[in-house]
């Protein structure tokens, strides 16, 4: 898999392709609060507690980190 480089809260984070923002943050030791996320269930983003702002290519967007790759 290819490796992606992200910046979360000013910290450089490496992530694999297909990994969610929540997984990348968790692997880097960055906590994003969740309510409906459980490792043994398919993520569906129902509670919206893990919303984060994505900045890329000059645009910003609010996304649910447990489902956004």
N, C-alpha and C. Protein backbone atom coordinates (compact mmCIF):
# COMPACT_ATOMS: atom_id res chain seq x y z
N UNK A 1 0.84 -1.19 0.00
CA UNK A 1 0.00 0.00 0.00
C UNK A 1 0.87 1.25 0.00
N UNK A 2 0.35 2.29 -0.58
CA UNK A 2 1.10 3.54 -0.61
C UNK A 2 0.92 4.29 0.71
N UNK A 3 1.91 5.06 1.05
CA UNK A 3 1.89 5.80 2.31
C UNK A 3 1.54 7.26 2.03
N UNK A 4 0.66 7.82 2.83
CA UNK A 4 0.26 9.21 2.73
C UNK A 4 0.81 9.97 3.91
N UNK A 5 1.06 11.24 3.73
CA UNK A 5 1.57 12.08 4.81
C UNK A 5 0.53 13.16 5.11
N UNK A 6 0.10 13.23 6.35
CA UNK A 6 -0.90 14.18 6.81
C UNK A 6 -0.31 15.06 7.89
N UNK A 7 -0.99 16.14 8.15
CA UNK A 7 -0.63 16.98 9.29
C UNK A 7 -1.89 17.13 10.13
N UNK A 8 -1.83 16.64 11.37
CA UNK A 8 -2.96 16.70 12.29
C UNK A 8 -2.53 17.50 13.51
N UNK A 9 -3.21 18.59 13.76
CA UNK A 9 -2.88 19.47 14.89
C UNK A 9 -1.40 19.86 14.91
N UNK A 10 -0.85 20.11 13.72
CA UNK A 10 0.54 20.53 13.62
C UNK A 10 1.55 19.41 13.66
N UNK A 11 1.11 18.17 13.81
CA UNK A 11 2.02 17.03 13.87
C UNK A 11 1.98 16.28 12.55
N UNK A 12 3.14 15.88 12.05
CA UNK A 12 3.20 15.09 10.82
C UNK A 12 2.84 13.64 11.14
N UNK A 13 1.92 13.09 10.34
CA UNK A 13 1.40 11.75 10.56
C UNK A 13 1.49 10.98 9.25
N UNK A 14 1.95 9.74 9.31
CA UNK A 14 1.98 8.86 8.14
C UNK A 14 0.78 7.93 8.22
N UNK A 15 0.13 7.72 7.07
CA UNK A 15 -1.04 6.84 7.02
C UNK A 15 -0.98 6.00 5.75
N UNK A 16 -1.57 4.83 5.79
CA UNK A 16 -1.67 3.96 4.63
C UNK A 16 -2.90 4.34 3.82
N UNK A 17 -2.85 4.09 2.53
CA UNK A 17 -4.02 4.32 1.67
C UNK A 17 -5.17 3.46 2.17
N UNK A 18 -6.36 4.03 2.24
CA UNK A 18 -7.52 3.32 2.72
C UNK A 18 -7.78 3.47 4.21
N UNK A 19 -6.84 4.06 4.93
CA UNK A 19 -6.98 4.29 6.36
C UNK A 19 -7.84 5.53 6.59
N UNK A 20 -8.71 5.51 7.60
CA UNK A 20 -9.52 6.68 7.90
C UNK A 20 -8.70 7.71 8.67
N UNK A 21 -9.20 8.93 8.70
CA UNK A 21 -8.54 9.99 9.46
C UNK A 21 -8.49 9.60 10.94
N UNK A 22 -9.55 9.01 11.45
CA UNK A 22 -9.57 8.58 12.86
C UNK A 22 -8.50 7.53 13.12
N UNK A 23 -8.34 6.56 12.24
CA UNK A 23 -7.30 5.53 12.41
C UNK A 23 -5.91 6.14 12.37
N UNK A 24 -5.67 7.06 11.44
CA UNK A 24 -4.36 7.70 11.34
C UNK A 24 -4.06 8.50 12.60
N UNK A 25 -5.03 9.23 13.09
CA UNK A 25 -4.84 10.02 14.31
C UNK A 25 -4.58 9.12 15.51
N UNK A 26 -5.37 8.08 15.63
CA UNK A 26 -5.21 7.14 16.76
C UNK A 26 -3.84 6.49 16.74
N UNK A 27 -3.37 6.07 15.56
CA UNK A 27 -2.05 5.45 15.45
C UNK A 27 -0.93 6.42 15.82
N UNK A 28 -1.16 7.71 15.64
CA UNK A 28 -0.17 8.72 15.98
C UNK A 28 -0.30 9.21 17.42
N UNK A 29 -1.25 8.65 18.17
CA UNK A 29 -1.44 9.05 19.56
C UNK A 29 -2.26 10.32 19.73
N UNK A 30 -3.00 10.71 18.69
CA UNK A 30 -3.85 11.89 18.74
C UNK A 30 -5.27 11.43 19.00
N UNK A 31 -5.89 11.95 20.03
CA UNK A 31 -7.24 11.53 20.39
C UNK A 31 -8.30 12.39 19.70
N UNK A 32 -9.22 11.73 19.03
CA UNK A 32 -10.41 12.37 18.48
C UNK A 32 -11.59 11.73 19.19
N UNK A 33 -12.41 12.50 19.89
CA UNK A 33 -13.53 11.92 20.63
C UNK A 33 -14.52 11.21 19.70
N UNK A 34 -15.02 10.06 20.15
CA UNK A 34 -16.02 9.32 19.40
C UNK A 34 -17.10 8.83 20.35
N UNK A 35 -18.24 8.51 19.80
CA UNK A 35 -19.32 7.94 20.59
C UNK A 35 -19.80 6.64 19.96
N UNK A 36 -20.04 6.64 18.65
CA UNK A 36 -20.59 5.45 18.00
C UNK A 36 -19.51 4.53 17.44
N UNK A 37 -18.25 4.93 17.45
CA UNK A 37 -17.19 4.12 16.86
C UNK A 37 -16.83 2.96 17.78
N UNK A 38 -16.79 1.75 17.19
CA UNK A 38 -16.37 0.54 17.91
C UNK A 38 -15.60 -0.30 16.91
N UNK A 39 -14.40 -0.74 17.28
CA UNK A 39 -13.50 -1.45 16.36
C UNK A 39 -14.12 -2.67 15.70
N UNK A 40 -15.02 -3.35 16.37
CA UNK A 40 -15.59 -4.59 15.83
C UNK A 40 -16.81 -4.37 14.94
N UNK A 41 -17.24 -3.13 14.78
CA UNK A 41 -18.39 -2.82 13.94
C UNK A 41 -17.96 -1.99 12.74
N UNK A 42 -18.73 -2.08 11.68
CA UNK A 42 -18.48 -1.26 10.49
C UNK A 42 -18.78 0.20 10.83
N UNK A 43 -17.85 1.13 10.58
CA UNK A 43 -18.11 2.55 10.91
C UNK A 43 -19.23 3.12 10.04
N UNK A 44 -20.08 3.95 10.65
CA UNK A 44 -21.15 4.57 9.89
C UNK A 44 -21.28 6.06 10.16
N UNK A 45 -20.58 6.60 11.13
CA UNK A 45 -20.55 8.05 11.36
C UNK A 45 -21.85 8.64 11.84
N UNK A 46 -22.64 7.88 12.55
CA UNK A 46 -23.96 8.32 12.96
C UNK A 46 -23.99 9.41 14.01
N UNK A 47 -23.08 9.41 14.95
CA UNK A 47 -23.16 10.38 16.06
C UNK A 47 -22.56 11.73 15.69
N UNK A 48 -21.66 11.76 14.72
CA UNK A 48 -21.00 12.99 14.26
C UNK A 48 -20.11 13.65 15.32
N UNK A 49 -19.78 12.96 16.38
CA UNK A 49 -18.93 13.53 17.42
C UNK A 49 -17.49 13.69 16.93
N UNK A 50 -17.06 12.87 15.99
CA UNK A 50 -15.66 12.89 15.54
C UNK A 50 -15.45 13.79 14.32
N UNK A 51 -16.29 14.79 14.14
CA UNK A 51 -16.15 15.72 13.01
C UNK A 51 -14.82 16.47 13.11
N UNK A 52 -14.14 16.58 11.96
CA UNK A 52 -12.88 17.32 11.88
C UNK A 52 -12.90 18.18 10.63
N UNK A 53 -12.06 19.20 10.60
CA UNK A 53 -11.94 20.06 9.43
C UNK A 53 -10.75 19.61 8.60
N UNK A 54 -10.98 19.36 7.32
CA UNK A 54 -9.94 18.94 6.38
C UNK A 54 -9.56 20.15 5.54
N UNK A 55 -8.26 20.40 5.40
CA UNK A 55 -7.76 21.46 4.53
C UNK A 55 -6.87 20.80 3.48
N UNK A 56 -7.21 21.00 2.21
CA UNK A 56 -6.39 20.44 1.13
C UNK A 56 -6.64 21.22 -0.15
N UNK A 57 -5.59 21.53 -0.86
CA UNK A 57 -5.71 22.18 -2.15
C UNK A 57 -6.44 23.51 -2.13
N UNK A 58 -6.35 24.24 -1.04
CA UNK A 58 -6.98 25.55 -0.95
C UNK A 58 -8.44 25.53 -0.53
N UNK A 59 -8.99 24.38 -0.15
CA UNK A 59 -10.37 24.32 0.32
C UNK A 59 -10.43 23.68 1.70
N UNK A 60 -11.49 23.95 2.41
CA UNK A 60 -11.72 23.32 3.71
C UNK A 60 -13.08 22.65 3.69
N UNK A 61 -13.20 21.59 4.49
CA UNK A 61 -14.42 20.80 4.50
C UNK A 61 -14.53 20.11 5.86
N UNK A 62 -15.73 20.05 6.39
CA UNK A 62 -15.99 19.31 7.63
C UNK A 62 -16.38 17.87 7.26
N UNK A 63 -15.69 16.89 7.87
CA UNK A 63 -15.95 15.49 7.57
C UNK A 63 -16.03 14.69 8.87
N UNK A 64 -16.63 13.51 8.77
CA UNK A 64 -16.69 12.59 9.91
C UNK A 64 -15.44 11.72 9.84
N UNK A 65 -14.53 11.85 10.81
CA UNK A 65 -13.23 11.22 10.73
C UNK A 65 -13.25 9.69 10.76
N UNK A 66 -14.30 9.09 11.32
CA UNK A 66 -14.33 7.63 11.40
C UNK A 66 -14.68 6.96 10.07
N UNK A 67 -15.18 7.72 9.09
CA UNK A 67 -15.50 7.15 7.78
C UNK A 67 -14.74 7.80 6.63
N UNK A 68 -14.11 8.94 6.86
CA UNK A 68 -13.41 9.66 5.78
C UNK A 68 -12.01 9.10 5.60
N UNK A 69 -11.71 8.66 4.38
CA UNK A 69 -10.39 8.10 4.09
C UNK A 69 -9.47 9.15 3.50
